[in-house]
Amino acid sequence: MERDSQLKLYGQVADRLKEAHATVRALQVPEGVRMALTRKLLVVTAAAKHDLPDAARRLDRLMKDLDEGRFPEGD
């Protein structure tokens, strides 16, 4: 049963990551900001390989920040 819930969460995180990448691509922001957001998404992707619940929480925070217009500063 535990494995089934992990697989379900993995699928949800994967789908949300795809949506997040599409959202970041569509943003009208400077390239440095886009790169910073892409790095954050890559960190979430890497975290998903080791700690799926943490990756889901990180993705939630990132998407909430995007929804509220809080963007990282670009290089």
N, C-alpha and C. Protein backbone atom coordinates (compact mmCIF):
# COMPACT_ATOMS: atom_id res chain seq x y z
N MET A 1 0.82 -1.19 0.00
CA MET A 1 0.00 0.00 0.00
C MET A 1 0.87 1.26 0.00
N GLU A 2 1.94 1.25 0.80
CA GLU A 2 2.86 2.39 0.86
C GLU A 2 3.41 2.70 -0.53
N ARG A 3 3.77 1.65 -1.26
CA ARG A 3 4.33 1.82 -2.60
C ARG A 3 3.32 2.49 -3.54
N ASP A 4 2.05 2.13 -3.42
CA ASP A 4 1.02 2.73 -4.26
C ASP A 4 0.89 4.23 -4.00
N SER A 5 0.96 4.63 -2.74
CA SER A 5 0.86 6.05 -2.43
C SER A 5 2.10 6.80 -2.91
N GLN A 6 3.27 6.16 -2.83
CA GLN A 6 4.50 6.78 -3.34
C GLN A 6 4.41 6.97 -4.86
N LEU A 7 3.91 5.96 -5.54
CA LEU A 7 3.78 6.06 -7.00
C LEU A 7 2.79 7.16 -7.39
N LYS A 8 1.71 7.25 -6.64
CA LYS A 8 0.72 8.29 -6.91
C LYS A 8 1.33 9.67 -6.70
N LEU A 9 2.06 9.85 -5.58
CA LEU A 9 2.70 11.13 -5.30
C LEU A 9 3.75 11.44 -6.36
N TYR A 10 4.51 10.44 -6.78
CA TYR A 10 5.51 10.64 -7.82
C TYR A 10 4.85 11.15 -9.10
N GLY A 11 3.74 10.56 -9.49
CA GLY A 11 3.02 10.99 -10.68
C GLY A 11 2.51 12.41 -10.56
N GLN A 12 2.01 12.75 -9.38
CA GLN A 12 1.50 14.10 -9.15
C GLN A 12 2.63 15.13 -9.22
N VAL A 13 3.76 14.82 -8.58
CA VAL A 13 4.89 15.74 -8.60
C VAL A 13 5.42 15.89 -10.02
N ALA A 14 5.51 14.79 -10.75
CA ALA A 14 6.00 14.84 -12.14
C ALA A 14 5.09 15.73 -12.99
N ASP A 15 3.78 15.55 -12.86
CA ASP A 15 2.84 16.37 -13.62
C ASP A 15 2.96 17.85 -13.25
N ARG A 16 3.09 18.11 -11.96
CA ARG A 16 3.20 19.50 -11.50
C ARG A 16 4.52 20.13 -11.94
N LEU A 17 5.58 19.34 -11.99
CA LEU A 17 6.86 19.86 -12.48
C LEU A 17 6.76 20.26 -13.95
N LYS A 18 6.08 19.44 -14.73
CA LYS A 18 5.87 19.78 -16.15
C LYS A 18 5.13 21.10 -16.27
N GLU A 19 4.07 21.25 -15.48
CA GLU A 19 3.29 22.49 -15.51
C GLU A 19 4.14 23.67 -15.05
N ALA A 20 4.96 23.45 -14.03
CA ALA A 20 5.80 24.53 -13.51
C ALA A 20 6.81 24.98 -14.55
N HIS A 21 7.41 24.03 -15.26
CA HIS A 21 8.36 24.39 -16.32
C HIS A 21 7.66 25.19 -17.42
N ALA A 22 6.45 24.79 -17.78
CA ALA A 22 5.70 25.53 -18.80
C ALA A 22 5.37 26.93 -18.31
N THR A 23 5.02 27.05 -17.04
CA THR A 23 4.70 28.35 -16.46
C THR A 23 5.92 29.27 -16.50
N VAL A 24 7.07 28.74 -16.11
CA VAL A 24 8.30 29.54 -16.10
C VAL A 24 8.66 29.97 -17.53
N ARG A 25 8.52 29.07 -18.49
CA ARG A 25 8.81 29.43 -19.89
C ARG A 25 7.93 30.55 -20.38
N ALA A 26 6.68 30.58 -19.92
CA ALA A 26 5.71 31.57 -20.40
C ALA A 26 5.83 32.93 -19.71
N LEU A 27 6.56 33.00 -18.60
CA LEU A 27 6.66 34.26 -17.86
C LEU A 27 7.39 35.32 -18.68
N GLN A 28 6.92 36.54 -18.56
CA GLN A 28 7.58 37.69 -19.19
C GLN A 28 8.49 38.33 -18.13
N VAL A 29 9.66 37.71 -17.95
CA VAL A 29 10.63 38.17 -16.95
C VAL A 29 12.00 38.22 -17.60
N PRO A 30 12.93 38.97 -17.01
CA PRO A 30 14.29 38.99 -17.55
C PRO A 30 14.90 37.57 -17.56
N GLU A 31 15.83 37.37 -18.47
CA GLU A 31 16.43 36.04 -18.63
C GLU A 31 17.09 35.55 -17.34
N GLY A 32 17.71 36.44 -16.57
CA GLY A 32 18.34 36.05 -15.32
C GLY A 32 17.33 35.49 -14.32
N VAL A 33 16.15 36.07 -14.27
CA VAL A 33 15.09 35.58 -13.38
C VAL A 33 14.62 34.22 -13.86
N ARG A 34 14.44 34.08 -15.17
CA ARG A 34 14.02 32.79 -15.73
C ARG A 34 15.05 31.70 -15.40
N MET A 35 16.32 32.03 -15.50
CA MET A 35 17.37 31.06 -15.19
C MET A 35 17.33 30.67 -13.71
N ALA A 36 17.12 31.65 -12.83
CA ALA A 36 17.03 31.37 -11.40
C ALA A 36 15.84 30.45 -11.10
N LEU A 37 14.72 30.70 -11.75
CA LEU A 37 13.54 29.85 -11.55
C LEU A 37 13.78 28.45 -12.08
N THR A 38 14.45 28.35 -13.22
CA THR A 38 14.77 27.05 -13.79
C THR A 38 15.69 26.26 -12.87
N ARG A 39 16.66 26.94 -12.27
CA ARG A 39 17.54 26.27 -11.30
C ARG A 39 16.74 25.75 -10.12
N LYS A 40 15.79 26.55 -9.65
CA LYS A 40 14.95 26.10 -8.53
C LYS A 40 14.16 24.84 -8.92
N LEU A 41 13.65 24.82 -10.14
CA LEU A 41 12.92 23.64 -10.60
C LEU A 41 13.84 22.43 -10.70
N LEU A 42 15.08 22.64 -11.11
CA LEU A 42 16.03 21.53 -11.18
C LEU A 42 16.35 21.00 -9.78
N VAL A 43 16.42 21.88 -8.80
CA VAL A 43 16.65 21.46 -7.41
C VAL A 43 15.47 20.60 -6.93
N VAL A 44 14.26 21.02 -7.26
CA VAL A 44 13.08 20.24 -6.87
C VAL A 44 13.12 18.87 -7.55
N THR A 45 13.50 18.85 -8.82
CA THR A 45 13.58 17.59 -9.55
C THR A 45 14.60 16.66 -8.90
N ALA A 46 15.75 17.19 -8.54
CA ALA A 46 16.78 16.39 -7.88
C ALA A 46 16.29 15.90 -6.52
N ALA A 47 15.60 16.76 -5.78
CA ALA A 47 15.08 16.38 -4.46
C ALA A 47 14.07 15.24 -4.58
N ALA A 48 13.32 15.22 -5.67
CA ALA A 48 12.30 14.19 -5.87
C ALA A 48 12.92 12.79 -5.94
N LYS A 49 14.16 12.71 -6.34
CA LYS A 49 14.83 11.41 -6.43
C LYS A 49 15.17 10.85 -5.06
N HIS A 50 15.26 11.72 -4.05
CA HIS A 50 15.71 11.28 -2.73
C HIS A 50 14.65 11.45 -1.65
N ASP A 51 13.82 12.47 -1.77
CA ASP A 51 12.81 12.77 -0.75
C ASP A 51 11.59 13.38 -1.43
N LEU A 52 10.72 12.51 -1.88
CA LEU A 52 9.57 12.94 -2.67
C LEU A 52 8.64 13.89 -1.91
N PRO A 53 8.31 13.63 -0.65
CA PRO A 53 7.44 14.58 0.07
C PRO A 53 8.09 15.96 0.19
N ASP A 54 9.39 16.02 0.42
CA ASP A 54 10.08 17.32 0.51
C ASP A 54 10.04 18.02 -0.84
N ALA A 55 10.22 17.28 -1.91
CA ALA A 55 10.17 17.88 -3.25
C ALA A 55 8.78 18.47 -3.50
N ALA A 56 7.74 17.76 -3.08
CA ALA A 56 6.37 18.26 -3.26
C ALA A 56 6.17 19.56 -2.48
N ARG A 57 6.71 19.62 -1.26
CA ARG A 57 6.60 20.85 -0.46
C ARG A 57 7.36 22.00 -1.11
N ARG A 58 8.55 21.72 -1.61
CA ARG A 58 9.35 22.76 -2.27
C ARG A 58 8.62 23.29 -3.50
N LEU A 59 8.04 22.38 -4.25
CA LEU A 59 7.32 22.78 -5.45
C LEU A 59 6.09 23.62 -5.09
N ASP A 60 5.40 23.23 -4.02
CA ASP A 60 4.25 24.03 -3.55
C ASP A 60 4.68 25.46 -3.23
N ARG A 61 5.79 25.60 -2.49
CA ARG A 61 6.28 26.94 -2.12
C ARG A 61 6.67 27.74 -3.35
N LEU A 62 7.36 27.10 -4.28
CA LEU A 62 7.79 27.80 -5.49
C LEU A 62 6.59 28.28 -6.30
N MET A 63 5.61 27.42 -6.48
CA MET A 63 4.44 27.80 -7.27
C MET A 63 3.62 28.88 -6.55
N LYS A 64 3.56 28.82 -5.23
CA LYS A 64 2.86 29.87 -4.48
C LYS A 64 3.57 31.21 -4.68
N ASP A 65 4.89 31.20 -4.62
CA ASP A 65 5.65 32.43 -4.86
C ASP A 65 5.38 32.97 -6.26
N LEU A 66 5.36 32.10 -7.26
CA LEU A 66 5.09 32.54 -8.63
C LEU A 66 3.67 33.13 -8.73
N ASP A 67 2.71 32.44 -8.14
CA ASP A 67 1.32 32.91 -8.18
C ASP A 67 1.18 34.28 -7.54
N GLU A 68 1.99 34.53 -6.52
CA GLU A 68 1.91 35.80 -5.80
C GLU A 68 2.88 36.85 -6.35
N GLY A 69 3.55 36.51 -7.46
CA GLY A 69 4.42 37.47 -8.12
C GLY A 69 5.77 37.69 -7.44
N ARG A 70 6.16 36.76 -6.59
CA ARG A 70 7.48 36.85 -5.95
C ARG A 70 8.47 36.04 -6.76
N PHE A 71 9.40 36.73 -7.38
CA PHE A 71 10.40 36.08 -8.22
C PHE A 71 11.78 36.27 -7.62
N PRO A 72 12.68 35.30 -7.83
CA PRO A 72 14.05 35.48 -7.36
C PRO A 72 14.75 36.54 -8.21
N GLU A 73 15.79 37.11 -7.66
CA GLU A 73 16.56 38.07 -8.44
C GLU A 73 17.45 37.30 -9.40
N GLY A 74 17.57 37.80 -10.60
CA GLY A 74 18.44 37.18 -11.59
C GLY A 74 19.88 37.56 -11.37
N ASP A 75 20.77 36.83 -11.98
CA ASP A 75 22.22 37.11 -11.86
C ASP A 75 22.62 38.34 -12.60
